[in-house]
PDB file of all heavy atoms in Angstrom:
ATOM      1  N   ALA A   1      73.105  78.840 -68.352  1.00  0.00           N
ATOM      2  CA  ALA A   1      72.326  78.528 -69.556  1.00  0.00           C
ATOM      3  C   ALA A   1      72.225  77.016 -69.750  1.00  0.00           C
ATOM      4  O   ALA A   1      71.158  76.475 -70.099  1.00  0.00           O
ATOM      5  CB  ALA A   1      72.968  79.182 -70.782  1.00  0.00           C
ATOM      6  N   LEU A   2      73.333  76.314 -69.502  1.00  0.00           N
ATOM      7  CA  LEU A   2      73.341  74.853 -69.636  1.00  0.00           C
ATOM      8  C   LEU A   2      72.442  74.206 -68.586  1.00  0.00           C
ATOM      9  O   LEU A   2      71.744  73.225 -68.868  1.00  0.00           O
ATOM     10  CB  LEU A   2      74.771  74.339 -69.492  1.00  0.00           C
ATOM     11  CG  LEU A   2      75.037  72.897 -69.954  1.00  0.00           C
ATOM     12  CD1 LEU A   2      74.765  72.750 -71.439  1.00  0.00           C
ATOM     13  CD2 LEU A   2      76.465  72.490 -69.624  1.00  0.00           C
ATOM     14  N   SER A   3      72.432  74.746 -67.384  1.00  0.00           N
ATOM     15  CA  SER A   3      71.564  74.230 -66.326  1.00  0.00           C
ATOM     16  C   SER A   3      70.091  74.354 -66.719  1.00  0.00           C
ATOM     17  O   SER A   3      69.300  73.433 -66.506  1.00  0.00           O
ATOM     18  CB  SER A   3      71.821  74.981 -65.027  1.00  0.00           C
ATOM     19  OG  SER A   3      70.912  74.610 -64.025  1.00  0.00           O
ATOM     20  N   ALA A   4      69.726  75.496 -67.309  1.00  0.00           N
ATOM     21  CA  ALA A   4      68.341  75.683 -67.762  1.00  0.00           C
ATOM     22  C   ALA A   4      67.993  74.705 -68.881  1.00  0.00           C
ATOM     23  O   ALA A   4      66.895  74.146 -68.908  1.00  0.00           O
ATOM     24  CB  ALA A   4      68.139  77.126 -68.231  1.00  0.00           C
ATOM     25  N   PHE A   5      68.933  74.489 -69.773  1.00  0.00           N
ATOM     26  CA  PHE A   5      68.677  73.616 -70.929  1.00  0.00           C
ATOM     27  C   PHE A   5      68.440  72.173 -70.497  1.00  0.00           C
ATOM     28  O   PHE A   5      67.619  71.464 -71.073  1.00  0.00           O
ATOM     29  CB  PHE A   5      69.849  73.688 -71.911  1.00  0.00           C
ATOM     30  CG  PHE A   5      69.629  72.915 -73.168  1.00  0.00           C
ATOM     31  CD1 PHE A   5      68.825  73.418 -74.171  1.00  0.00           C
ATOM     32  CD2 PHE A   5      70.211  71.674 -73.348  1.00  0.00           C
ATOM     33  CE1 PHE A   5      68.607  72.708 -75.344  1.00  0.00           C
ATOM     34  CE2 PHE A   5      70.009  70.944 -74.517  1.00  0.00           C
ATOM     35  CZ  PHE A   5      69.203  71.467 -75.522  1.00  0.00           C
ATOM     36  N   TYR A   6      69.146  71.702 -69.487  1.00  0.00           N
ATOM     37  CA  TYR A   6      69.029  70.317 -69.038  1.00  0.00           C
ATOM     38  C   TYR A   6      68.103  70.161 -67.835  1.00  0.00           C
ATOM     39  O   TYR A   6      68.191  69.170 -67.118  1.00  0.00           O
ATOM     40  CB  TYR A   6      70.410  69.757 -68.703  1.00  0.00           C
ATOM     41  CG  TYR A   6      71.207  69.395 -69.928  1.00  0.00           C
ATOM     42  CD1 TYR A   6      72.259  70.213 -70.353  1.00  0.00           C
ATOM     43  CD2 TYR A   6      70.909  68.272 -70.672  1.00  0.00           C
ATOM     44  CE1 TYR A   6      72.991  69.894 -71.495  1.00  0.00           C
ATOM     45  CE2 TYR A   6      71.633  67.947 -71.806  1.00  0.00           C
ATOM     46  CZ  TYR A   6      72.669  68.763 -72.214  1.00  0.00           C
ATOM     47  OH  TYR A   6      73.383  68.447 -73.338  1.00  0.00           O
ATOM     48  N   SER A   7      67.204  71.115 -67.627  1.00  0.00           N
ATOM     49  CA  SER A   7      66.253  71.010 -66.525  1.00  0.00           C
ATOM     50  C   SER A   7      65.283  69.857 -66.767  1.00  0.00           C
ATOM     51  O   SER A   7      65.187  69.345 -67.881  1.00  0.00           O
ATOM     52  CB  SER A   7      65.500  72.330 -66.369  1.00  0.00           C
ATOM     53  OG  SER A   7      64.854  72.673 -67.580  1.00  0.00           O
ATOM     54  N   PRO A   8      64.546  69.415 -65.737  1.00  0.00           N
ATOM     55  CA  PRO A   8      63.740  68.182 -65.830  1.00  0.00           C
ATOM     56  C   PRO A   8      62.720  68.178 -66.964  1.00  0.00           C
ATOM     57  O   PRO A   8      62.300  69.225 -67.468  1.00  0.00           O
ATOM     58  CB  PRO A   8      63.038  68.129 -64.471  1.00  0.00           C
ATOM     59  CG  PRO A   8      63.916  68.891 -63.557  1.00  0.00           C
ATOM     60  CD  PRO A   8      64.506  69.990 -64.390  1.00  0.00           C
ATOM     61  N   LEU A   9      62.286  66.961 -67.317  1.00  0.00           N
ATOM     62  CA  LEU A   9      61.388  66.763 -68.450  1.00  0.00           C
ATOM     63  C   LEU A   9      59.968  67.264 -68.179  1.00  0.00           C
ATOM     64  O   LEU A   9      59.180  67.358 -69.112  1.00  0.00           O
ATOM     65  CB  LEU A   9      61.337  65.278 -68.820  1.00  0.00           C
ATOM     66  CG  LEU A   9      62.639  64.681 -69.361  1.00  0.00           C
ATOM     67  CD1 LEU A   9      62.473  63.191 -69.610  1.00  0.00           C
ATOM     68  CD2 LEU A   9      63.054  65.380 -70.649  1.00  0.00           C
ATOM     69  N   PHE A  10      59.634  67.566 -66.893  1.00  0.00           N
ATOM     70  CA  PHE A  10      58.274  68.056 -66.649  1.00  0.00           C
ATOM     71  C   PHE A  10      58.086  69.470 -67.191  1.00  0.00           C
ATOM     72  O   PHE A  10      56.977  69.982 -67.250  1.00  0.00           O
ATOM     73  CB  PHE A  10      57.904  68.000 -65.159  1.00  0.00           C
ATOM     74  CG  PHE A  10      58.786  68.797 -64.241  1.00  0.00           C
ATOM     75  CD1 PHE A  10      58.790  70.185 -64.258  1.00  0.00           C
ATOM     76  CD2 PHE A  10      59.615  68.154 -63.335  1.00  0.00           C
ATOM     77  CE1 PHE A  10      59.601  70.909 -63.408  1.00  0.00           C
ATOM     78  CE2 PHE A  10      60.419  68.869 -62.460  1.00  0.00           C
ATOM     79  CZ  PHE A  10      60.409  70.255 -62.500  1.00  0.00           C
ATOM     80  N   ASN A  11      59.168  70.118 -67.592  1.00  0.00           N
ATOM     81  CA  ASN A  11      59.057  71.455 -68.185  1.00  0.00           C
ATOM     82  C   ASN A  11      58.558  71.375 -69.618  1.00  0.00           C
ATOM     83  O   ASN A  11      58.736  70.374 -70.305  1.00  0.00           O
ATOM     84  CB  ASN A  11      60.426  72.146 -68.187  1.00  0.00           C
ATOM     85  CG  ASN A  11      60.862  72.567 -66.802  1.00  0.00           C
ATOM     86  OD1 ASN A  11      60.195  73.363 -66.170  1.00  0.00           O
ATOM     87  ND2 ASN A  11      61.959  72.011 -66.330  1.00  0.00           N
ATOM     88  N   ASP A  12      57.927  72.455 -70.044  1.00  0.00           N
ATOM     89  CA  ASP A  12      57.648  72.622 -71.464  1.00  0.00           C
ATOM     90  C   ASP A  12      58.998  72.805 -72.169  1.00  0.00           C
ATOM     91  O   ASP A  12      59.776  73.683 -71.789  1.00  0.00           O
ATOM     92  CB  ASP A  12      56.766  73.860 -71.661  1.00  0.00           C
ATOM     93  CG  ASP A  12      56.501  74.170 -73.128  1.00  0.00           C
ATOM     94  OD1 ASP A  12      56.922  73.385 -73.985  1.00  0.00           O
ATOM     95  OD2 ASP A  12      55.878  75.203 -73.391  1.00  0.00           O
ATOM     96  N   PRO A  13      59.321  71.991 -73.174  1.00  0.00           N
ATOM     97  CA  PRO A  13      60.623  72.113 -73.849  1.00  0.00           C
ATOM     98  C   PRO A  13      60.888  73.509 -74.385  1.00  0.00           C
ATOM     99  O   PRO A  13      62.036  73.961 -74.412  1.00  0.00           O
ATOM    100  CB  PRO A  13      60.531  71.091 -74.982  1.00  0.00           C
ATOM    101  CG  PRO A  13      59.498  70.106 -74.544  1.00  0.00           C
ATOM    102  CD  PRO A  13      58.520  70.890 -73.730  1.00  0.00           C
ATOM    103  N   ARG A  14      59.840  74.202 -74.791  1.00  0.00           N
ATOM    104  CA  ARG A  14      60.022  75.544 -75.354  1.00  0.00           C
ATOM    105  C   ARG A  14      60.430  76.537 -74.273  1.00  0.00           C
ATOM    106  O   ARG A  14      61.143  77.502 -74.539  1.00  0.00           O
ATOM    107  CB  ARG A  14      58.747  75.984 -76.053  1.00  0.00           C
ATOM    108  CG  ARG A  14      58.425  75.122 -77.268  1.00  0.00           C
ATOM    109  CD  ARG A  14      56.955  75.215 -77.656  1.00  0.00           C
ATOM    110  NE  ARG A  14      56.644  74.244 -78.688  1.00  0.00           N
ATOM    111  CZ  ARG A  14      56.336  72.960 -78.454  1.00  0.00           C
ATOM    112  NH1 ARG A  14      56.302  72.513 -77.211  1.00  0.00           N
ATOM    113  NH2 ARG A  14      56.059  72.127 -79.430  1.00  0.00           N
ATOM    114  N   ALA A  15      59.966  76.300 -73.049  1.00  0.00           N
ATOM    115  CA  ALA A  15      60.375  77.172 -71.944  1.00  0.00           C
ATOM    116  C   ALA A  15      61.861  76.999 -71.652  1.00  0.00           C
ATOM    117  O   ALA A  15      62.586  77.982 -71.469  1.00  0.00           O
ATOM    118  CB  ALA A  15      59.547  76.862 -70.698  1.00  0.00           C
ATOM    119  N   THR A  16      62.329  75.749 -71.613  1.00  0.00           N
ATOM    120  CA  THR A  16      63.749  75.507 -71.320  1.00  0.00           C
ATOM    121  C   THR A  16      64.633  76.045 -72.434  1.00  0.00           C
ATOM    122  O   THR A  16      65.682  76.637 -72.164  1.00  0.00           O
ATOM    123  CB  THR A  16      64.005  74.002 -71.138  1.00  0.00           C
ATOM    124  OG1 THR A  16      63.647  73.299 -72.329  1.00  0.00           O
ATOM    125  CG2 THR A  16      63.189  73.441 -69.995  1.00  0.00           C
ATOM    126  N   ILE A  17      64.209  75.863 -73.687  1.00  0.00           N
ATOM    127  CA  ILE A  17      65.003  76.358 -74.813  1.00  0.00           C
ATOM    128  C   ILE A  17      65.063  77.890 -74.794  1.00  0.00           C
ATOM    129  O   ILE A  17      66.120  78.490 -74.973  1.00  0.00           O
ATOM    130  CB  ILE A  17      64.431  75.847 -76.150  1.00  0.00           C
ATOM    131  CG1 ILE A  17      64.630  74.327 -76.256  1.00  0.00           C
ATOM    132  CG2 ILE A  17      65.092  76.557 -77.330  1.00  0.00           C
ATOM    133  CD1 ILE A  17      63.932  73.714 -77.456  1.00  0.00           C
ATOM    134  N   ALA A  18      63.901  78.524 -74.556  1.00  0.00           N
ATOM    135  CA  ALA A  18      63.859  79.992 -74.571  1.00  0.00           C
ATOM    136  C   ALA A  18      64.687  80.583 -73.439  1.00  0.00           C
ATOM    137  O   ALA A  18      65.480  81.512 -73.647  1.00  0.00           O
ATOM    138  CB  ALA A  18      62.405  80.467 -74.474  1.00  0.00           C
ATOM    139  N   LEU A  19      64.534  80.046 -72.228  1.00  0.00           N
ATOM    140  CA  LEU A  19      65.279  80.597 -71.098  1.00  0.00           C
ATOM    141  C   LEU A  19      66.771  80.316 -71.207  1.00  0.00           C
ATOM    142  O   LEU A  19      67.595  81.191 -70.906  1.00  0.00           O
ATOM    143  CB  LEU A  19      64.735  80.024 -69.785  1.00  0.00           C
ATOM    144  CG  LEU A  19      63.357  80.541 -69.360  1.00  0.00           C
ATOM    145  CD1 LEU A  19      62.894  79.870 -68.081  1.00  0.00           C
ATOM    146  CD2 LEU A  19      63.380  82.056 -69.163  1.00  0.00           C
ATOM    147  N   SER A  20      67.133  79.103 -71.651  1.00  0.00           N
ATOM    148  CA  SER A  20      68.564  78.805 -71.806  1.00  0.00           C
ATOM    149  C   SER A  20      69.169  79.649 -72.923  1.00  0.00           C
ATOM    150  O   SER A  20      70.306  80.128 -72.805  1.00  0.00           O
ATOM    151  CB  SER A  20      68.772  77.313 -72.091  1.00  0.00           C
ATOM    152  OG  SER A  20      68.120  76.911 -73.277  1.00  0.00           O
ATOM    153  N   ALA A  21      68.409  79.870 -74.016  1.00  0.00           N
ATOM    154  CA  ALA A  21      68.906  80.723 -75.104  1.00  0.00           C
ATOM    155  C   ALA A  21      69.047  82.169 -74.641  1.00  0.00           C
ATOM    156  O   ALA A  21      70.010  82.858 -74.993  1.00  0.00           O
ATOM    157  CB  ALA A  21      67.968  80.645 -76.303  1.00  0.00           C
ATOM    158  N   ALA A  22      68.087  82.644 -73.835  1.00  0.00           N
ATOM    159  CA  ALA A  22      68.165  84.014 -73.318  1.00  0.00           C
ATOM    160  C   ALA A  22      69.428  84.204 -72.482  1.00  0.00           C
ATOM    161  O   ALA A  22      70.182  85.166 -72.678  1.00  0.00           O
ATOM    162  CB  ALA A  22      66.924  84.320 -72.481  1.00  0.00           C
ATOM    163  N   ILE A  23      69.658  83.274 -71.558  1.00  0.00           N
ATOM    164  CA  ILE A  23      70.859  83.369 -70.714  1.00  0.00           C
ATOM    165  C   ILE A  23      72.115  83.220 -71.567  1.00  0.00           C
ATOM    166  O   ILE A  23      73.122  83.923 -71.358  1.00  0.00           O
ATOM    167  CB  ILE A  23      70.812  82.289 -69.614  1.00  0.00           C
ATOM    168  CG1 ILE A  23      69.602  82.521 -68.703  1.00  0.00           C
ATOM    169  CG2 ILE A  23      72.104  82.306 -68.791  1.00  0.00           C
ATOM    170  CD1 ILE A  23      69.362  81.406 -67.700  1.00  0.00           C
ATOM    171  N   GLY A  24      72.051  82.327 -72.559  1.00  0.00           N
ATOM    172  CA  GLY A  24      73.198  82.130 -73.443  1.00  0.00           C
ATOM    173  C   GLY A  24      73.542  83.374 -74.236  1.00  0.00           C
ATOM    174  O   GLY A  24      74.723  83.734 -74.362  1.00  0.00           O
ATOM    175  N   PHE A  25      72.534  84.059 -74.777  1.00  0.00           N
ATOM    176  CA  PHE A  25      72.801  85.280 -75.535  1.00  0.00           C
ATOM    177  C   PHE A  25      73.350  86.382 -74.625  1.00  0.00           C
ATOM    178  O   PHE A  25      74.218  87.158 -75.031  1.00  0.00           O
ATOM    179  CB  PHE A  25      71.536  85.756 -76.249  1.00  0.00           C
ATOM    180  CG  PHE A  25      71.334  85.127 -77.593  1.00  0.00           C
ATOM    181  CD1 PHE A  25      70.279  84.251 -77.821  1.00  0.00           C
ATOM    182  CD2 PHE A  25      72.197  85.398 -78.649  1.00  0.00           C
ATOM    183  CE1 PHE A  25      70.099  83.658 -79.058  1.00  0.00           C
ATOM    184  CE2 PHE A  25      72.017  84.819 -79.894  1.00  0.00           C
ATOM    185  CZ  PHE A  25      70.970  83.936 -80.096  1.00  0.00           C
ATOM    186  N   TRP A  26      72.827  86.443 -73.387  1.00  0.00           N
ATOM    187  CA  TRP A  26      73.384  87.438 -72.466  1.00  0.00           C
ATOM    188  C   TRP A  26      74.863  87.122 -72.196  1.00  0.00           C
ATOM    189  O   TRP A  26      75.698  88.030 -72.145  1.00  0.00           O
ATOM    190  CB  TRP A  26      72.610  87.434 -71.153  1.00  0.00           C
ATOM    191  CG  TRP A  26      73.035  88.555 -70.249  1.00  0.00           C
ATOM    192  CD1 TRP A  26      72.508  89.803 -70.175  1.00  0.00           C
ATOM    193  CD2 TRP A  26      74.133  88.526 -69.314  1.00  0.00           C
ATOM    194  NE1 TRP A  26      73.190  90.569 -69.253  1.00  0.00           N
ATOM    195  CE2 TRP A  26      74.193  89.810 -68.706  1.00  0.00           C
ATOM    196  CE3 TRP A  26      75.056  87.565 -68.933  1.00  0.00           C
ATOM    197  CZ2 TRP A  26      75.146  90.129 -67.750  1.00  0.00           C
ATOM    198  CZ3 TRP A  26      76.016  87.884 -67.979  1.00  0.00           C
ATOM    199  CH2 TRP A  26      76.049  89.147 -67.387  1.00  0.00           C
ATOM    200  N   ALA A  27      75.183  85.838 -72.032  1.00  0.00           N
ATOM    201  CA  ALA A  27      76.572  85.431 -71.792  1.00  0.00           C
ATOM    202  C   ALA A  27      77.454  85.773 -72.994  1.00  0.00           C
ATOM    203  O   ALA A  27      78.613  86.182 -72.829  1.00  0.00           O
ATOM    204  CB  ALA A  27      76.631  83.933 -71.493  1.00  0.00           C
ATOM    205  N   ILE A  28      76.906  85.629 -74.197  1.00  0.00           N
ATOM    206  CA  ILE A  28      77.668  85.990 -75.405  1.00  0.00           C
ATOM    207  C   ILE A  28      77.965  87.491 -75.407  1.00  0.00           C
ATOM    208  O   ILE A  28      79.090  87.929 -75.667  1.00  0.00           O
ATOM    209  CB  ILE A  28      76.895  85.583 -76.673  1.00  0.00           C
ATOM    210  CG1 ILE A  28      76.857  84.056 -76.794  1.00  0.00           C
ATOM    211  CG2 ILE A  28      77.527  86.205 -77.923  1.00  0.00           C
ATOM    212  CD1 ILE A  28      75.943  83.551 -77.897  1.00  0.00           C
ATOM    213  N   GLY A  29      76.928  88.299 -75.116  1.00  0.00           N
ATOM    214  CA  GLY A  29      77.138  89.750 -75.057  1.00  0.00           C
ATOM    215  C   GLY A  29      78.146  90.136 -74.006  1.00  0.00           C
ATOM    216  O   GLY A  29      79.003  91.009 -74.229  1.00  0.00           O
ATOM    217  N   SER A  30      78.072  89.487 -72.843  1.00  0.00           N
ATOM    218  CA  SER A  30      79.025  89.774 -71.764  1.00  0.00           C
ATOM    219  C   SER A  30      80.443  89.379 -72.161  1.00  0.00           C
ATOM    220  O   SER A  30      81.403  90.109 -71.871  1.00  0.00           O
ATOM    221  CB  SER A  30      78.604  89.017 -70.504  1.00  0.00           C
ATOM    222  OG  SER A  30      79.558  89.148 -69.488  1.00  0.00           O
ATOM    223  N   THR A  31      80.571  88.229 -72.832  1.00  0.00           N
ATOM    224  CA  THR A  31      81.898  87.770 -73.259  1.00  0.00           C
ATOM    225  C   THR A  31      82.528  88.732 -74.260  1.00  0.00           C
ATOM    226  O   THR A  31      83.713  89.076 -74.164  1.00  0.00           O
ATOM    227  CB  THR A  31      81.797  86.359 -73.872  1.00  0.00           C
ATOM    228  OG1 THR A  31      81.216  85.467 -72.909  1.00  0.00           O
ATOM    229  CG2 THR A  31      83.165  85.843 -74.290  1.00  0.00           C
ATOM    230  N   ILE A  32      81.719  89.197 -75.214  1.00  0.00           N
ATOM    231  CA  ILE A  32      82.237  90.141 -76.212  1.00  0.00           C
ATOM    232  C   ILE A  32      82.661  91.442 -75.541  1.00  0.00           C
ATOM    233  O   ILE A  32      83.727  92.014 -75.838  1.00  0.00           O
ATOM    234  CB  ILE A  32      81.179  90.407 -77.301  1.00  0.00           C
ATOM    235  CG1 ILE A  32      80.888  89.121 -78.087  1.00  0.00           C
ATOM    236  CG2 ILE A  32      81.635  91.514 -78.253  1.00  0.00           C
ATOM    237  CD1 ILE A  32      79.722  89.245 -79.045  1.00  0.00           C
ATOM    238  N   SER A  33      81.818  91.922 -74.606  1.00  0.00           N
ATOM    239  CA  SER A  33      82.134  93.166 -73.907  1.00  0.00           C
ATOM    240  C   SER A  33      83.424  93.018 -73.090  1.00  0.00           C
ATOM    241  O   SER A  33      84.285  93.911 -73.099  1.00  0.00           O
ATOM    242  CB  SER A  33      80.967  93.548 -72.991  1.00  0.00           C
ATOM    243  OG  SER A  33      81.264  94.715 -72.267  1.00  0.00           O
ATOM    244  N   SER A  34      83.558  91.867 -72.389  1.00  0.00           N
ATOM    245  CA  SER A  34      84.773  91.634 -71.592  1.00  0.00           C
ATOM    246  C   SER A  34      85.996  91.499 -72.492  1.00  0.00           C
ATOM    247  O   SER A  34      87.083  92.013 -72.173  1.00  0.00           O
ATOM    248  CB  SER A  34      84.605  90.366 -70.752  1.00  0.00           C
ATOM    249  OG  SER A  34      83.491  90.465 -69.893  1.00  0.00           O
ATOM    250  N   TRP A  35      85.836  90.811 -73.605  1.00  0.00           N
ATOM    251  CA  TRP A  35      86.950  90.635 -74.559  1.00  0.00           C
ATOM    252  C   TRP A  35      87.458  91.990 -75.046  1.00  0.00           C
ATOM    253  O   TRP A  35      88.666  92.245 -75.087  1.00  0.00           O
ATOM    254  CB  TRP A  35      86.482  89.773 -75.732  1.00  0.00           C
ATOM    255  CG  TRP A  35      87.521  89.600 -76.805  1.00  0.00           C
ATOM    256  CD1 TRP A  35      87.809  90.461 -77.830  1.00  0.00           C
ATOM    257  CD2 TRP A  35      88.417  88.497 -76.956  1.00  0.00           C
ATOM    258  NE1 TRP A  35      88.813  89.975 -78.610  1.00  0.00           N
ATOM    259  CE2 TRP A  35      89.212  88.760 -78.093  1.00  0.00           C
ATOM    260  CE3 TRP A  35      88.632  87.322 -76.252  1.00  0.00           C
ATOM    261  CZ2 TRP A  35      90.189  87.883 -78.540  1.00  0.00           C
ATOM    262  CZ3 TRP A  35      89.606  86.447 -76.690  1.00  0.00           C
ATOM    263  CH2 TRP A  35      90.384  86.737 -77.822  1.00  0.00           C
ATOM    264  N   ASN A  36      86.533  92.838 -75.436  1.00  0.00           N
ATOM    265  CA  ASN A  36      86.921  94.152 -75.950  1.00  0.00           C
ATOM    266  C   ASN A  36      87.579  95.025 -74.881  1.00  0.00           C
ATOM    267  O   ASN A  36      88.323  95.958 -75.199  1.00  0.00           O
ATOM    268  CB  ASN A  36      85.695  94.876 -76.523  1.00  0.00           C
ATOM    269  CG  ASN A  36      85.233  94.258 -77.822  1.00  0.00           C
ATOM    270  OD1 ASN A  36      85.969  93.502 -78.470  1.00  0.00           O
ATOM    271  ND2 ASN A  36      83.992  94.545 -78.218  1.00  0.00           N
ATOM    272  N   SER A  37      87.313  94.724 -73.601  1.00  0.00           N
ATOM    273  CA  SER A  37      87.935  95.489 -72.517  1.00  0.00           C
ATOM    274  C   SER A  37      89.366  95.055 -72.249  1.00  0.00           C
ATOM    275  O   SER A  37      90.171  95.840 -71.733  1.00  0.00           O
ATOM    276  CB  SER A  37      87.107  95.331 -71.228  1.00  0.00           C
ATOM    277  OG  SER A  37      85.807  95.836 -71.405  1.00  0.00           O
ATOM    278  N   PHE A  38      89.693  93.798 -72.607  1.00  0.00           N
ATOM    279  CA  PHE A  38      91.027  93.260 -72.306  1.00  0.00           C
ATOM    280  C   PHE A  38      91.932  93.165 -73.538  1.00  0.00           C
ATOM    281  O   PHE A  38      93.145  93.325 -73.433  1.00  0.00           O
ATOM    282  CB  PHE A  38      90.908  91.864 -71.682  1.00  0.00           C
ATOM    283  CG  PHE A  38      90.499  91.875 -70.239  1.00  0.00           C
ATOM    284  CD1 PHE A  38      89.216  91.510 -69.875  1.00  0.00           C
ATOM    285  CD2 PHE A  38      91.389  92.249 -69.247  1.00  0.00           C
ATOM    286  CE1 PHE A  38      88.828  91.497 -68.548  1.00  0.00           C
ATOM    287  CE2 PHE A  38      91.006  92.242 -67.911  1.00  0.00           C
ATOM    288  CZ  PHE A  38      89.716  91.874 -67.562  1.00  0.00           C
ATOM    289  N   MET A  39      91.344  92.887 -74.691  1.00  0.00           N
ATOM    290  CA  MET A  39      92.140  92.533 -75.864  1.00  0.00           C
ATOM    291  C   MET A  39      92.295  93.696 -76.835  1.00  0.00           C
ATOM    292  O   MET A  39      91.401  94.547 -76.959  1.00  0.00           O
ATOM    293  CB  MET A  39      91.495  91.341 -76.580  1.00  0.00           C
ATOM    294  CG  MET A  39      91.329  90.116 -75.694  1.00  0.00           C
ATOM    295  SD  MET A  39      92.925  89.502 -75.104  1.00  0.00           S
ATOM    296  CE  MET A  39      92.403  88.067 -74.157  1.00  0.00           C
ATOM    297  N   ASP A  40      93.409  93.685 -77.539  1.00  0.00           N
ATOM    298  CA  ASP A  40      93.645  94.690 -78.568  1.00  0.00           C
ATOM    299  C   ASP A  40      92.780  94.420 -79.790  1.00  0.00           C
ATOM    300  O   ASP A  40      92.287  95.362 -80.438  1.00  0.00           O
ATOM    301  CB  ASP A  40      95.124  94.692 -78.971  1.00  0.00           C
ATOM    302  CG  ASP A  40      96.021  95.162 -77.823  1.00  0.00           C
ATOM    303  OD1 ASP A  40      95.537  95.967 -77.006  1.00  0.00           O
ATOM    304  OD2 ASP A  40      97.175  94.702 -77.756  1.00  0.00           O
ATOM    305  N   PHE A  41      92.621  93.122 -80.121  1.00  0.00           N
ATOM    306  CA  PHE A  41      91.752  92.767 -81.244  1.00  0.00           C
ATOM    307  C   PHE A  41      90.292  92.916 -80.802  1.00  0.00           C
ATOM    308  O   PHE A  41      89.819  92.226 -79.915  1.00  0.00           O
ATOM    309  CB  PHE A  41      92.023  91.331 -81.693  1.00  0.00           C
ATOM    310  CG  PHE A  41      91.069  90.850 -82.758  1.00  0.00           C
ATOM    311  CD1 PHE A  41      91.161  91.290 -84.061  1.00  0.00           C
ATOM    312  CD2 PHE A  41      90.051  89.957 -82.426  1.00  0.00           C
ATOM    313  CE1 PHE A  41      90.270  90.856 -85.030  1.00  0.00           C
ATOM    314  CE2 PHE A  41      89.159  89.512 -83.380  1.00  0.00           C
ATOM    315  CZ  PHE A  41      89.272  89.964 -84.683  1.00  0.00           C
TER     316      PHE A  41
END
């Protein structure tokens, strides 16, 4: 997600924000799912 966010300036800024946010939200969902698989809380 960070790599997408800091991609070159020739990109449309909205494309980089949308794609980095999409990957970021997927990472958040994955983190929560993994947390619930390992942790009691």
